[in-house]
Every structure is written in structure tokens, then in C-alpha cells.
C-alpha atoms as a PDB file:
ATOM      1  CA  UNK A   1      48.989  19.298  -5.017  1.00  0.00           C
ATOM      2  CA  UNK A   2      51.467  16.893  -6.913  1.00  0.00           C
ATOM      3  CA  UNK A   3      50.755  13.779  -8.961  1.00  0.00           C
ATOM      4  CA  UNK A   4      50.804  10.559  -7.407  1.00  0.00           C
ATOM      5  CA  UNK A   5      53.237   9.354 -10.280  1.00  0.00           C
ATOM      6  CA  UNK A   6      55.844  12.115 -10.766  1.00  0.00           C
ATOM      7  CA  UNK A   7      56.548  15.997  -9.507  1.00  0.00           C
ATOM      8  CA  UNK A   8      54.338  17.518 -11.849  1.00  0.00           C
ATOM      9  CA  UNK A   9      51.364  19.541 -10.802  1.00  0.00           C
ATOM     10  CA  UNK A  10      48.361  17.492 -10.231  1.00  0.00           C
ATOM     11  CA  UNK A  11      45.195  18.585 -12.274  1.00  0.00           C
ATOM     12  CA  UNK A  12      42.674  16.030 -10.821  1.00  0.00           C
ATOM     13  CA  UNK A  13      41.885  14.575  -7.475  1.00  0.00           C
ATOM     14  CA  UNK A  14      40.438  11.347  -7.412  1.00  0.00           C
ATOM     15  CA  UNK A  15      39.785  10.062  -3.746  1.00  0.00           C
ATOM     16  CA  UNK A  16      38.393   6.419  -4.360  1.00  0.00           C
ATOM     17  CA  UNK A  17      41.429   5.884  -5.741  1.00  0.00           C
ATOM     18  CA  UNK A  18      43.880   8.062  -3.543  1.00  0.00           C
ATOM     19  CA  UNK A  19      45.230   9.522  -6.560  1.00  0.00           C
ATOM     20  CA  UNK A  20      46.167  12.938  -7.402  1.00  0.00           C
ATOM     21  CA  UNK A  21      47.124  12.800 -11.282  1.00  0.00           C
ATOM     22  CA  UNK A  22      48.971  15.474 -13.933  1.00  0.00           C
ATOM     23  CA  UNK A  23      47.690  16.406 -17.068  1.00  0.00           C
ATOM     24  CA  UNK A  24      49.822  12.940 -18.716  1.00  0.00           C
ATOM     25  CA  UNK A  25      49.628  10.722 -16.063  1.00  0.00           C
ATOM     26  CA  UNK A  26      45.172  11.023 -16.053  1.00  0.00           C
ATOM     27  CA  UNK A  27      45.005  10.613 -19.503  1.00  0.00           C
ATOM     28  CA  UNK A  28      46.882   7.547 -19.540  1.00  0.00           C
ATOM     29  CA  UNK A  29      44.968   6.132 -16.203  1.00  0.00           C
ATOM     30  CA  UNK A  30      41.682   6.753 -17.606  1.00  0.00           C
ATOM     31  CA  UNK A  31      41.943   5.515 -21.350  1.00  0.00           C
ATOM     32  CA  UNK A  32      43.078   2.585 -19.387  1.00  0.00           C
ATOM     33  CA  UNK A  33      40.485   2.464 -17.149  1.00  0.00           C
ATOM     34  CA  UNK A  34      38.269   2.585 -19.851  1.00  0.00           C
ATOM     35  CA  UNK A  35      39.757  -0.432 -21.604  1.00  0.00           C
ATOM     36  CA  UNK A  36      39.899  -2.799 -18.273  1.00  0.00           C
ATOM     37  CA  UNK A  37      36.169  -2.132 -17.868  1.00  0.00           C
ATOM     38  CA  UNK A  38      35.259  -3.299 -21.363  1.00  0.00           C
ATOM     39  CA  UNK A  39      37.406  -6.048 -21.475  1.00  0.00           C
ATOM     40  CA  UNK A  40      36.365  -7.347 -17.886  1.00  0.00           C
ATOM     41  CA  UNK A  41      32.866  -7.305 -19.076  1.00  0.00           C
ATOM     42  CA  UNK A  42      33.522  -8.597 -22.577  1.00  0.00           C
ATOM     43  CA  UNK A  43      31.750  -5.701 -24.522  1.00  0.00           C
ATOM     44  CA  UNK A  44      32.565  -6.078 -27.850  1.00  0.00           C
ATOM     45  CA  UNK A  45      33.633  -9.422 -27.973  1.00  0.00           C
ATOM     46  CA  UNK A  46      31.430 -10.027 -30.871  1.00  0.00           C
ATOM     47  CA  UNK A  47      31.284  -6.670 -32.482  1.00  0.00           C
ATOM     48  CA  UNK A  48      32.258  -6.013 -36.094  1.00  0.00           C
ATOM     49  CA  UNK A  49      30.589  -2.842 -36.771  1.00  0.00           C
ATOM     50  CA  UNK A  50      30.074  -0.177 -33.894  1.00  0.00           C
ATOM     51  CA  UNK A  51      27.410   2.750 -34.053  1.00  0.00           C
ATOM     52  CA  UNK A  52      28.611   5.596 -31.716  1.00  0.00           C
ATOM     53  CA  UNK A  53      25.393   7.711 -30.635  1.00  0.00           C
ATOM     54  CA  UNK A  54      26.928  11.507 -30.487  1.00  0.00           C
ATOM     55  CA  UNK A  55      25.047  13.874 -29.376  1.00  0.00           C
ATOM     56  CA  UNK A  56      27.296  16.540 -29.158  1.00  0.00           C
ATOM     57  CA  UNK A  57      27.660  16.392 -25.046  1.00  0.00           C
ATOM     58  CA  UNK A  58      30.854  15.801 -22.939  1.00  0.00           C
ATOM     59  CA  UNK A  59      29.889  12.145 -22.813  1.00  0.00           C
ATOM     60  CA  UNK A  60      29.087  10.761 -26.250  1.00  0.00           C
ATOM     61  CA  UNK A  61      32.133  12.753 -27.684  1.00  0.00           C
ATOM     62  CA  UNK A  62      34.356  11.587 -25.037  1.00  0.00           C
ATOM     63  CA  UNK A  63      33.452   8.194 -26.066  1.00  0.00           C
ATOM     64  CA  UNK A  64      33.371   8.733 -29.803  1.00  0.00           C
ATOM     65  CA  UNK A  65      37.050   9.366 -28.958  1.00  0.00           C
ATOM     66  CA  UNK A  66      37.790   6.723 -26.568  1.00  0.00           C
ATOM     67  CA  UNK A  67      35.921   4.157 -29.103  1.00  0.00           C
ATOM     68  CA  UNK A  68      37.950   5.643 -32.108  1.00  0.00           C
ATOM     69  CA  UNK A  69      41.080   4.606 -30.337  1.00  0.00           C
ATOM     70  CA  UNK A  70      39.651   1.117 -29.264  1.00  0.00           C
ATOM     71  CA  UNK A  71      38.683   0.149 -32.476  1.00  0.00           C
ATOM     72  CA  UNK A  72      42.508   0.487 -33.989  1.00  0.00           C
ATOM     73  CA  UNK A  73      43.882  -1.688 -31.678  1.00  0.00           C
ATOM     74  CA  UNK A  74      40.719  -4.238 -31.566  1.00  0.00           C
ATOM     75  CA  UNK A  75      39.792  -4.442 -35.405  1.00  0.00           C
ATOM     76  CA  UNK A  76      36.268  -3.489 -35.362  1.00  0.00           C
ATOM     77  CA  UNK A  77      34.634  -0.607 -37.423  1.00  0.00           C
ATOM     78  CA  UNK A  78      32.980   2.297 -36.016  1.00  0.00           C
ATOM     79  CA  UNK A  79      30.287   4.848 -37.352  1.00  0.00           C
ATOM     80  CA  UNK A  80      29.039   7.847 -35.839  1.00  0.00           C
ATOM     81  CA  UNK A  81      25.278   8.458 -35.591  1.00  0.00           C
ATOM     82  CA  UNK A  82      23.917  11.952 -34.765  1.00  0.00           C
ATOM     83  CA  UNK A  83      20.191  12.327 -34.274  1.00  0.00           C
ATOM     84  CA  UNK A  84      19.165  16.048 -34.865  1.00  0.00           C
ATOM     85  CA  UNK A  85      15.718  16.079 -32.917  1.00  0.00           C
ATOM     86  CA  UNK A  86      14.612  19.751 -34.227  1.00  0.00           C
ATOM     87  CA  UNK A  87      14.902  21.430 -30.405  1.00  0.00           C
ATOM     88  CA  UNK A  88      15.246  24.879 -30.848  1.00  0.00           C
ATOM     89  CA  UNK A  89      13.583  26.793 -27.990  1.00  0.00           C
ATOM     90  CA  UNK A  90      15.152  30.254 -29.553  1.00  0.00           C
ATOM     91  CA  UNK A  91      18.428  28.779 -28.774  1.00  0.00           C
ATOM     92  CA  UNK A  92      19.363  26.253 -31.466  1.00  0.00           C
ATOM     93  CA  UNK A  93      20.186  23.311 -29.345  1.00  0.00           C
ATOM     94  CA  UNK A  94      19.652  20.766 -31.789  1.00  0.00           C
ATOM     95  CA  UNK A  95      21.626  22.594 -34.546  1.00  0.00           C
ATOM     96  CA  UNK A  96      24.297  23.520 -32.317  1.00  0.00           C
ATOM     97  CA  UNK A  97      24.643  19.849 -30.662  1.00  0.00           C
ATOM     98  CA  UNK A  98      24.753  18.756 -34.467  1.00  0.00           C
ATOM     99  CA  UNK A  99      27.459  21.003 -35.212  1.00  0.00           C
ATOM    100  CA  UNK A 100      29.638  19.939 -32.386  1.00  0.00           C
ATOM    101  CA  UNK A 101      29.294  16.076 -33.384  1.00  0.00           C
ATOM    102  CA  UNK A 102      30.057  16.815 -36.653  1.00  0.00           C
ATOM    103  CA  UNK A 103      33.320  18.724 -35.806  1.00  0.00           C
ATOM    104  CA  UNK A 104      34.366  15.165 -34.067  1.00  0.00           C
ATOM    105  CA  UNK A 105      32.923  13.256 -36.717  1.00  0.00           C
ATOM    106  CA  UNK A 106      35.607  15.400 -38.768  1.00  0.00           C
ATOM    107  CA  UNK A 107      38.636  15.810 -36.374  1.00  0.00           C
ATOM    108  CA  UNK A 108      38.991  11.796 -35.875  1.00  0.00           C
ATOM    109  CA  UNK A 109      37.563  10.901 -39.769  1.00  0.00           C
ATOM    110  CA  UNK A 110      34.531   8.709 -38.567  1.00  0.00           C
ATOM    111  CA  UNK A 111      32.343   7.969 -40.948  1.00  0.00           C
ATOM    112  CA  UNK A 112      28.790   9.161 -39.874  1.00  0.00           C
ATOM    113  CA  UNK A 113      25.222   9.524 -40.304  1.00  0.00           C
ATOM    114  CA  UNK A 114      23.482  12.772 -39.272  1.00  0.00           C
ATOM    115  CA  UNK A 115      19.587  12.150 -39.156  1.00  0.00           C
ATOM    116  CA  UNK A 116      16.908  14.955 -38.765  1.00  0.00           C
ATOM    117  CA  UNK A 117      13.781  13.818 -37.809  1.00  0.00           C
ATOM    118  CA  UNK A 118      11.864  16.359 -39.097  1.00  0.00           C
ATOM    119  CA  UNK A 119      13.046  15.119 -42.623  1.00  0.00           C
ATOM    120  CA  UNK A 120      13.048  11.935 -41.884  1.00  0.00           C
ATOM    121  CA  UNK A 121       9.501  11.385 -39.826  1.00  0.00           C
ATOM    122  CA  UNK A 122       7.630  14.717 -40.291  1.00  0.00           C
ATOM    123  CA  UNK A 123       8.075  16.451 -36.640  1.00  0.00           C
ATOM    124  CA  UNK A 124      10.260  17.661 -34.246  1.00  0.00           C
ATOM    125  CA  UNK A 125      10.540  17.268 -30.639  1.00  0.00           C
ATOM    126  CA  UNK A 126       9.583  20.724 -30.168  1.00  0.00           C
ATOM    127  CA  UNK A 127       6.277  20.284 -31.936  1.00  0.00           C
ATOM    128  CA  UNK A 128       5.402  16.883 -30.029  1.00  0.00           C
ATOM    129  CA  UNK A 129       6.121  18.629 -26.690  1.00  0.00           C
ATOM    130  CA  UNK A 130       2.838  20.571 -27.127  1.00  0.00           C
ATOM    131  CA  UNK A 131       0.803  17.785 -28.907  1.00  0.00           C
ATOM    132  CA  UNK A 132       1.688  14.645 -27.003  1.00  0.00           C
ATOM    133  CA  UNK A 133       0.538  14.202 -23.674  1.00  0.00           C
ATOM    134  CA  UNK A 134       3.481  12.480 -21.891  1.00  0.00           C
ATOM    135  CA  UNK A 135       6.352  14.264 -20.220  1.00  0.00           C
ATOM    136  CA  UNK A 136       8.171  15.474 -23.368  1.00  0.00           C
ATOM    137  CA  UNK A 137      11.894  13.721 -21.875  1.00  0.00           C
ATOM    138  CA  UNK A 138       9.455  10.317 -22.370  1.00  0.00           C
ATOM    139  CA  UNK A 139       8.605  11.187 -25.848  1.00  0.00           C
ATOM    140  CA  UNK A 140      12.623  12.107 -26.562  1.00  0.00           C
ATOM    141  CA  UNK A 141      14.013   9.050 -25.449  1.00  0.00           C
ATOM    142  CA  UNK A 142      11.471   7.081 -27.262  1.00  0.00           C
ATOM    143  CA  UNK A 143      11.980   8.759 -30.954  1.00  0.00           C
ATOM    144  CA  UNK A 144      15.969   8.687 -30.007  1.00  0.00           C
ATOM    145  CA  UNK A 145      16.063   4.764 -29.131  1.00  0.00           C
ATOM    146  CA  UNK A 146      13.836   4.242 -32.621  1.00  0.00           C
ATOM    147  CA  UNK A 147      15.820   6.449 -34.679  1.00  0.00           C
ATOM    148  CA  UNK A 148      19.003   4.916 -33.258  1.00  0.00           C
ATOM    149  CA  UNK A 149      18.226   1.138 -33.735  1.00  0.00           C
ATOM    150  CA  UNK A 150      16.630   1.790 -37.202  1.00  0.00           C
ATOM    151  CA  UNK A 151      19.605   3.851 -38.555  1.00  0.00           C
ATOM    152  CA  UNK A 152      22.449   1.774 -36.989  1.00  0.00           C
ATOM    153  CA  UNK A 153      20.410  -1.646 -38.837  1.00  0.00           C
ATOM    154  CA  UNK A 154      20.333   0.207 -42.080  1.00  0.00           C
ATOM    155  CA  UNK A 155      24.254   1.008 -41.502  1.00  0.00           C
ATOM    156  CA  UNK A 156      24.863  -2.714 -40.927  1.00  0.00           C
ATOM    157  CA  UNK A 157      25.942  -2.137 -37.429  1.00  0.00           C
ATOM    158  CA  UNK A 158      25.554  -5.031 -34.746  1.00  0.00           C
ATOM    159  CA  UNK A 159      26.515  -2.974 -32.030  1.00  0.00           C
ATOM    160  CA  UNK A 160      25.090   0.774 -30.604  1.00  0.00           C
ATOM    161  CA  UNK A 161      27.158   2.401 -27.536  1.00  0.00           C
ATOM    162  CA  UNK A 162      25.438   5.321 -25.856  1.00  0.00           C
ATOM    163  CA  UNK A 163      27.210   7.935 -23.343  1.00  0.00           C
ATOM    164  CA  UNK A 164      25.573   6.891 -19.674  1.00  0.00           C
ATOM    165  CA  UNK A 165      27.956   7.488 -16.803  1.00  0.00           C
ATOM    166  CA  UNK A 166      28.694   6.792 -13.635  1.00  0.00           C
ATOM    167  CA  UNK A 167      26.622   9.595 -12.394  1.00  0.00           C
ATOM    168  CA  UNK A 168      23.622   8.584 -14.520  1.00  0.00           C
ATOM    169  CA  UNK A 169      23.258   4.677 -13.742  1.00  0.00           C
ATOM    170  CA  UNK A 170      23.637   5.827  -9.895  1.00  0.00           C
ATOM    171  CA  UNK A 171      20.581   8.012 -10.499  1.00  0.00           C
ATOM    172  CA  UNK A 172      18.700   5.524 -12.393  1.00  0.00           C
ATOM    173  CA  UNK A 173      19.254   3.001  -9.759  1.00  0.00           C
ATOM    174  CA  UNK A 174      18.322   5.234  -7.339  1.00  0.00           C
ATOM    175  CA  UNK A 175      15.250   6.212  -8.999  1.00  0.00           C
ATOM    176  CA  UNK A 176      14.128   2.803  -9.667  1.00  0.00           C
ATOM    177  CA  UNK A 177      14.425   1.463  -5.801  1.00  0.00           C
ATOM    178  CA  UNK A 178      12.583   5.019  -4.909  1.00  0.00           C
ATOM    179  CA  UNK A 179       9.492   4.386  -7.006  1.00  0.00           C
ATOM    180  CA  UNK A 180       9.698   0.573  -7.219  1.00  0.00           C
ATOM    181  CA  UNK A 181      10.218  -0.179 -10.863  1.00  0.00           C
ATOM    182  CA  UNK A 182      11.511  -3.786 -10.087  1.00  0.00           C
ATOM    183  CA  UNK A 183      11.131  -4.508 -13.777  1.00  0.00           C
ATOM    184  CA  UNK A 184      12.498  -1.426 -15.059  1.00  0.00           C
ATOM    185  CA  UNK A 185      15.537  -2.313 -12.470  1.00  0.00           C
ATOM    186  CA  UNK A 186      15.541  -5.684 -13.785  1.00  0.00           C
ATOM    187  CA  UNK A 187      16.255  -4.120 -17.475  1.00  0.00           C
ATOM    188  CA  UNK A 188      18.636  -1.783 -16.584  1.00  0.00           C
ATOM    189  CA  UNK A 189      21.800  -3.735 -17.979  1.00  0.00           C
ATOM    190  CA  UNK A 190      24.756  -2.615 -19.222  1.00  0.00           C
ATOM    191  CA  UNK A 191      24.672  -4.919 -22.048  1.00  0.00           C
ATOM    192  CA  UNK A 192      21.627  -5.811 -23.685  1.00  0.00           C
ATOM    193  CA  UNK A 193      21.408  -8.627 -26.568  1.00  0.00           C
ATOM    194  CA  UNK A 194      19.477  -7.832 -29.015  1.00  0.00           C
ATOM    195  CA  UNK A 195      15.573  -8.313 -28.712  1.00  0.00           C
ATOM    196  CA  UNK A 196      13.750 -10.865 -30.326  1.00  0.00           C
ATOM    197  CA  UNK A 197      13.057  -9.202 -34.097  1.00  0.00           C
ATOM    198  CA  UNK A 198      15.877  -6.817 -33.794  1.00  0.00           C
ATOM    199  CA  UNK A 199      19.839  -7.263 -34.766  1.00  0.00           C
ATOM    200  CA  UNK A 200      21.559  -4.950 -32.473  1.00  0.00           C
ATOM    201  CA  UNK A 201      23.028  -5.061 -29.115  1.00  0.00           C
ATOM    202  CA  UNK A 202      23.519  -2.372 -27.026  1.00  0.00           C
ATOM    203  CA  UNK A 203      26.188  -1.392 -24.842  1.00  0.00           C
ATOM    204  CA  UNK A 204      26.859   1.393 -22.011  1.00  0.00           C
ATOM    205  CA  UNK A 205      30.809   1.432 -21.998  1.00  0.00           C
ATOM    206  CA  UNK A 206      30.892   4.539 -19.616  1.00  0.00           C
ATOM    207  CA  UNK A 207      28.980   3.443 -16.776  1.00  0.00           C
ATOM    208  CA  UNK A 208      31.655   2.948 -14.229  1.00  0.00           C
ATOM    209  CA  UNK A 209      33.296   6.422 -15.064  1.00  0.00           C
ATOM    210  CA  UNK A 210      32.551   9.639 -13.031  1.00  0.00           C
ATOM    211  CA  UNK A 211      31.057  12.464 -14.933  1.00  0.00           C
ATOM    212  CA  UNK A 212      33.853  14.560 -13.567  1.00  0.00           C
ATOM    213  CA  UNK A 213      36.388  12.035 -14.971  1.00  0.00           C
ATOM    214  CA  UNK A 214      34.624  12.601 -18.576  1.00  0.00           C
ATOM    215  CA  UNK A 215      34.468  16.194 -17.699  1.00  0.00           C
ATOM    216  CA  UNK A 216      38.286  16.575 -16.920  1.00  0.00           C
ATOM    217  CA  UNK A 217      39.387  14.289 -20.043  1.00  0.00           C
ATOM    218  CA  UNK A 218      37.531  16.126 -22.193  1.00  0.00           C
ATOM    219  CA  UNK A 219      38.830  19.485 -21.368  1.00  0.00           C
ATOM    220  CA  UNK A 220      42.482  18.269 -21.071  1.00  0.00           C
ATOM    221  CA  UNK A 221      42.166  16.219 -24.810  1.00  0.00           C
ATOM    222  CA  UNK A 222      40.395  19.632 -26.489  1.00  0.00           C
ATOM    223  CA  UNK A 223      37.416  17.458 -27.146  1.00  0.00           C
ATOM    224  CA  UNK A 224      34.921  20.237 -28.689  1.00  0.00           C
ATOM    225  CA  UNK A 225      31.640  19.873 -27.137  1.00  0.00           C
ATOM    226  CA  UNK A 226      28.002  21.778 -26.348  1.00  0.00           C
ATOM    227  CA  UNK A 227      27.706  23.161 -22.815  1.00  0.00           C
ATOM    228  CA  UNK A 228      24.344  23.667 -23.151  1.00  0.00           C
ATOM    229  CA  UNK A 229      21.674  21.858 -21.463  1.00  0.00           C
ATOM    230  CA  UNK A 230      18.427  21.233 -22.919  1.00  0.00           C
ATOM    231  CA  UNK A 231      16.197  23.982 -22.898  1.00  0.00           C
ATOM    232  CA  UNK A 232      13.327  21.653 -22.501  1.00  0.00           C
ATOM    233  CA  UNK A 233      14.502  20.907 -19.229  1.00  0.00           C
ATOM    234  CA  UNK A 234      17.372  22.328 -17.002  1.00  0.00           C
ATOM    235  CA  UNK A 235      17.269  19.542 -14.403  1.00  0.00           C
ATOM    236  CA  UNK A 236      18.558  15.854 -15.255  1.00  0.00           C
ATOM    237  CA  UNK A 237      15.041  13.914 -15.868  1.00  0.00           C
ATOM    238  CA  UNK A 238      12.927  16.684 -13.655  1.00  0.00           C
ATOM    239  CA  UNK A 239      12.948  17.890 -10.341  1.00  0.00           C
ATOM    240  CA  UNK A 240      12.618  14.646  -8.339  1.00  0.00           C
ATOM    241  CA  UNK A 241      15.335  12.748 -10.025  1.00  0.00           C
ATOM    242  CA  UNK A 242      17.474  16.224  -9.949  1.00  0.00           C
ATOM    243  CA  UNK A 243      17.631  15.971  -6.534  1.00  0.00           C
ATOM    244  CA  UNK A 244      18.376  12.079  -5.636  1.00  0.00           C
ATOM    245  CA  UNK A 245      21.315  12.857  -8.729  1.00  0.00           C
ATOM    246  CA  UNK A 246      22.359  15.580  -6.287  1.00  0.00           C
ATOM    247  CA  UNK A 247      22.198  13.322  -2.908  1.00  0.00           C
ATOM    248  CA  UNK A 248      24.459  10.679  -4.727  1.00  0.00           C
ATOM    249  CA  UNK A 249      26.691  13.533  -5.537  1.00  0.00           C
ATOM    250  CA  UNK A 250      26.756  14.921  -1.685  1.00  0.00           C
ATOM    251  CA  UNK A 251      27.078  11.292  -0.075  1.00  0.00           C
ATOM    252  CA  UNK A 252      30.031  10.873  -2.774  1.00  0.00           C
ATOM    253  CA  UNK A 253      31.554  13.810  -1.464  1.00  0.00           C
ATOM    254  CA  UNK A 254      31.511  12.193   1.945  1.00  0.00           C
ATOM    255  CA  UNK A 255      32.104   8.616   1.141  1.00  0.00           C
ATOM    256  CA  UNK A 256      34.714   8.603  -1.648  1.00  0.00           C
ATOM    257  CA  UNK A 257      33.678   5.418  -4.173  1.00  0.00           C
ATOM    258  CA  UNK A 258      30.145   5.292  -3.051  1.00  0.00           C
ATOM    259  CA  UNK A 259      28.418   6.015  -6.382  1.00  0.00           C
ATOM    260  CA  UNK A 260      31.337   3.227  -7.714  1.00  0.00           C
ATOM    261  CA  UNK A 261      29.885   0.807  -5.294  1.00  0.00           C
ATOM    262  CA  UNK A 262      26.320   1.275  -5.663  1.00  0.00           C
ATOM    263  CA  UNK A 263      26.550   0.860  -9.450  1.00  0.00           C
ATOM    264  CA  UNK A 264      29.244  -1.967  -9.464  1.00  0.00           C
ATOM    265  CA  UNK A 265      26.882  -4.172  -6.790  1.00  0.00           C
ATOM    266  CA  UNK A 266      24.194  -3.247  -8.509  1.00  0.00           C
ATOM    267  CA  UNK A 267      25.292  -4.660 -11.859  1.00  0.00           C
ATOM    268  CA  UNK A 268      27.192  -7.649 -10.342  1.00  0.00           C
ATOM    269  CA  UNK A 269      24.774  -8.650  -8.033  1.00  0.00           C
ATOM    270  CA  UNK A 270      21.388  -7.113  -8.072  1.00  0.00           C
ATOM    271  CA  UNK A 271      20.365  -6.908 -11.542  1.00  0.00           C
ATOM    272  CA  UNK A 272      20.925 -10.240 -12.400  1.00  0.00           C
ATOM    273  CA  UNK A 273      18.778 -11.669  -9.683  1.00  0.00           C
ATOM    274  CA  UNK A 274      15.718  -9.106 -10.941  1.00  0.00           C
ATOM    275  CA  UNK A 275      16.143 -10.299 -14.063  1.00  0.00           C
ATOM    276  CA  UNK A 276      15.865 -13.778 -13.198  1.00  0.00           C
ATOM    277  CA  UNK A 277      12.874 -13.367 -11.103  1.00  0.00           C
ATOM    278  CA  UNK A 278      11.110 -10.572 -13.126  1.00  0.00           C
ATOM    279  CA  UNK A 279      11.925 -10.610 -16.687  1.00  0.00           C
ATOM    280  CA  UNK A 280      10.896 -13.561 -19.148  1.00  0.00           C
ATOM    281  CA  UNK A 281      10.520 -14.022 -22.879  1.00  0.00           C
ATOM    282  CA  UNK A 282       6.974 -12.349 -24.000  1.00  0.00           C
ATOM    283  CA  UNK A 283       5.917 -13.163 -26.987  1.00  0.00           C
ATOM    284  CA  UNK A 284       6.155 -10.362 -29.207  1.00  0.00           C
ATOM    285  CA  UNK A 285       3.756  -8.857 -31.830  1.00  0.00           C
ATOM    286  CA  UNK A 286       4.890  -6.751 -34.938  1.00  0.00           C
ATOM    287  CA  UNK A 287       3.738  -3.117 -35.691  1.00  0.00           C
ATOM    288  CA  UNK A 288       1.424  -2.870 -38.707  1.00  0.00           C
ATOM    289  CA  UNK A 289       2.973   0.316 -39.631  1.00  0.00           C
ATOM    290  CA  UNK A 290       6.830  -0.282 -39.481  1.00  0.00           C
ATOM    291  CA  UNK A 291       6.804  -3.569 -39.151  1.00  0.00           C
ATOM    292  CA  UNK A 292       9.272  -3.280 -36.152  1.00  0.00           C
ATOM    293  CA  UNK A 293       8.420  -5.667 -32.596  1.00  0.00           C
ATOM    294  CA  UNK A 294       5.909  -4.399 -30.395  1.00  0.00           C
ATOM    295  CA  UNK A 295       4.029  -5.837 -27.378  1.00  0.00           C
ATOM    296  CA  UNK A 296       1.523  -8.529 -28.412  1.00  0.00           C
ATOM    297  CA  UNK A 297      -1.754  -6.882 -27.450  1.00  0.00           C
ATOM    298  CA  UNK A 298      -0.517  -3.405 -29.362  1.00  0.00           C
ATOM    299  CA  UNK A 299      -0.937  -3.582 -33.479  1.00  0.00           C
ATOM    300  CA  UNK A 300       1.026   0.092 -33.497  1.00  0.00           C
ATOM    301  CA  UNK A 301       4.119   0.673 -32.001  1.00  0.00           C
ATOM    302  CA  UNK A 302       4.781   3.816 -29.261  1.00  0.00           C
ATOM    303  CA  UNK A 303       6.958   5.309 -31.700  1.00  0.00           C
ATOM    304  CA  UNK A 304       4.052   5.061 -34.891  1.00  0.00           C
ATOM    305  CA  UNK A 305       1.839   6.184 -32.634  1.00  0.00           C
ATOM    306  CA  UNK A 306       3.273   9.257 -31.742  1.00  0.00           C
ATOM    307  CA  UNK A 307       4.431   9.731 -35.417  1.00  0.00           C
ATOM    308  CA  UNK A 308       0.917   9.407 -36.375  1.00  0.00           C
ATOM    309  CA  UNK A 309      -0.380  11.774 -33.917  1.00  0.00           C
ATOM    310  CA  UNK A 310       2.235  14.178 -35.060  1.00  0.00           C
ATOM    311  CA  UNK A 311       1.466  13.854 -38.737  1.00  0.00           C
ATOM    312  CA  UNK A 312      -1.870  12.765 -39.111  1.00  0.00           C
ATOM    313  CA  UNK A 313      -0.599  11.594 -42.246  1.00  0.00           C
ATOM    314  CA  UNK A 314      -1.852   8.096 -43.833  1.00  0.00           C
ATOM    315  CA  UNK A 315       0.896   5.259 -43.805  1.00  0.00           C
ATOM    316  CA  UNK A 316       1.039   2.447 -45.194  1.00  0.00           C
ATOM    317  CA  UNK A 317       0.006  -0.752 -43.521  1.00  0.00           C
ATOM    318  CA  UNK A 318       2.548  -3.865 -43.812  1.00  0.00           C
END
């Protein structure tokens, strides 16, 4: 199979664009596509310092490389943030993840912060799995969101970017339809402005880029990343979520561009309508422990509730 743009051998076929591309033309196409998406959705128009969440996997490390290149063109500053969640399970998962994140920070000469939640908050995700009565992935997500926001603000960032790809977004959307979670769907945006009481907006720049394309880019660019899956769950979000994802990928094989159209139409047409109907500005309270915003009917935010249960420590009430 020859490249659609030259006589060299193609390394990837992109059915929804009717393209086959060699290494050089794929890199060029991929980087231009990323920049077009960023520009079309005006993702970083007012961003001066962007925190890139880097777990060490293919999506986040690829995003770091793309953001570094974009920062040089658009003039904003970036800082990498890696969170060591203390996931071991005999496989040293978190320490390996941090190792790969560090390799990329040093390769690119990017400023970075490595945050170990055991040192910062007194517990790990491995600990929480046995003590917190909620799915471990839910606890992990809560801890990551809280930590990332807190550290980004400490570093003076005005924007956080995460490596959610097109496959992730398609899965979130279909799972939301399946569960009837209209409020969650209404909140599923690619650019989330700072909530009242926060200073950082959140952006998903890879939301229209397929997982296969990200993996191919990481491999041909020689980006070091961790291949391992989290030992707490080998399926993406559990059995039901994993099945939804695999069925979507099967549909993509039959109907090229299916996931792209699903996500693009949701973000451009459906999500704004859901947001207008179901999301109203709510009066917020403040957590009596950390001082961060929480729902009005809660004295302590969800994160601090987890932290108190995990550590049993007496903390200062603000």
C-alpha cells in the first residue's frame, strides 16, 4: 500500500478520510489536524500558562509533545503535572507511570511537578480500594481531579489539558445515553470554564483524534510511554463500559468515521441543547476543611470526606 501523497510505503490507513500515509506525511497530517481542531474550537485563545496532565500513557505523553510544539508557535507557557497515585498491586504501576512521564519531561525540557498523593494526602489508591465503599475507579477519578486542579492553581496555570481521545468521548456519550444520565451528558464538554470559586479551565484537545492515530504517532515519533493497563481494572471503565467501547469500535470498522460524527455532532449540536435545559447555575458552599467549592448541602467536599476516612486524622477546619 502506497502513500496517498508520495510513492513511499504507507504505515497507516485512514478510512474516513480515504487516505493512506507514509511516516513523514502521517506526522505532518496528524500535527496539522491537531492544530486545526485547537483553532476551530478556540481552545487556548486566552491561555497564558497551561498545565498538561501526564500519566505516562500514550495519550498524555503524545499530548505533551503536541502542546510543547504548539506552545512554541502560540507563545503560551506549559508545565507538566504527573500524579503518583500509589497504585502498585505487585506491578509498580504508578512508579513506572511516573518514570515514563519524567522521561518525556526531560526529553522536551519541560518544567514539571510530580505529586505523590501518599506524601501529600496520606493515602494511596491501593489503600482506598479496601477502605472506601465506592468503585476504585470513581475514587481514583475524584483524587486525580482534585489534585490536578489544586496543583495547577499552585503553579499559576489558567488552563488544564487532559488526554481524553475520540474513543473515550464516544464511550462517555454512549454510556450516558445507555444510563439516561442527561446531567452528566450536559456537562460533557471539551472546554469547561472555571467553576465558581476556581481559577482554572479544563480542555480536552484530543477529543476528535482516534486512539489508533495517537498510538501510531507515539510509535513513529519514538515517544516513550507505558503500555501497561491499570492493575485495578483491565477493562476500560468496567465490563459494561468496555463492551460499549468495543461495539463502537466494531461500528467504526463497518462505517468509517462513525465515532467522529457521533462525537462531533454531540459537541456541536446536542450538548449545548442539553446544557441549556439541564444545567443551571447553582449556589455553592465551601468545604469546611479545604475551603474549596462544594454543593451547598455539603459541609465537606467529596475529596475531604475520602481523605478523612482514609487517614482518620484531625484536620483544621477553615
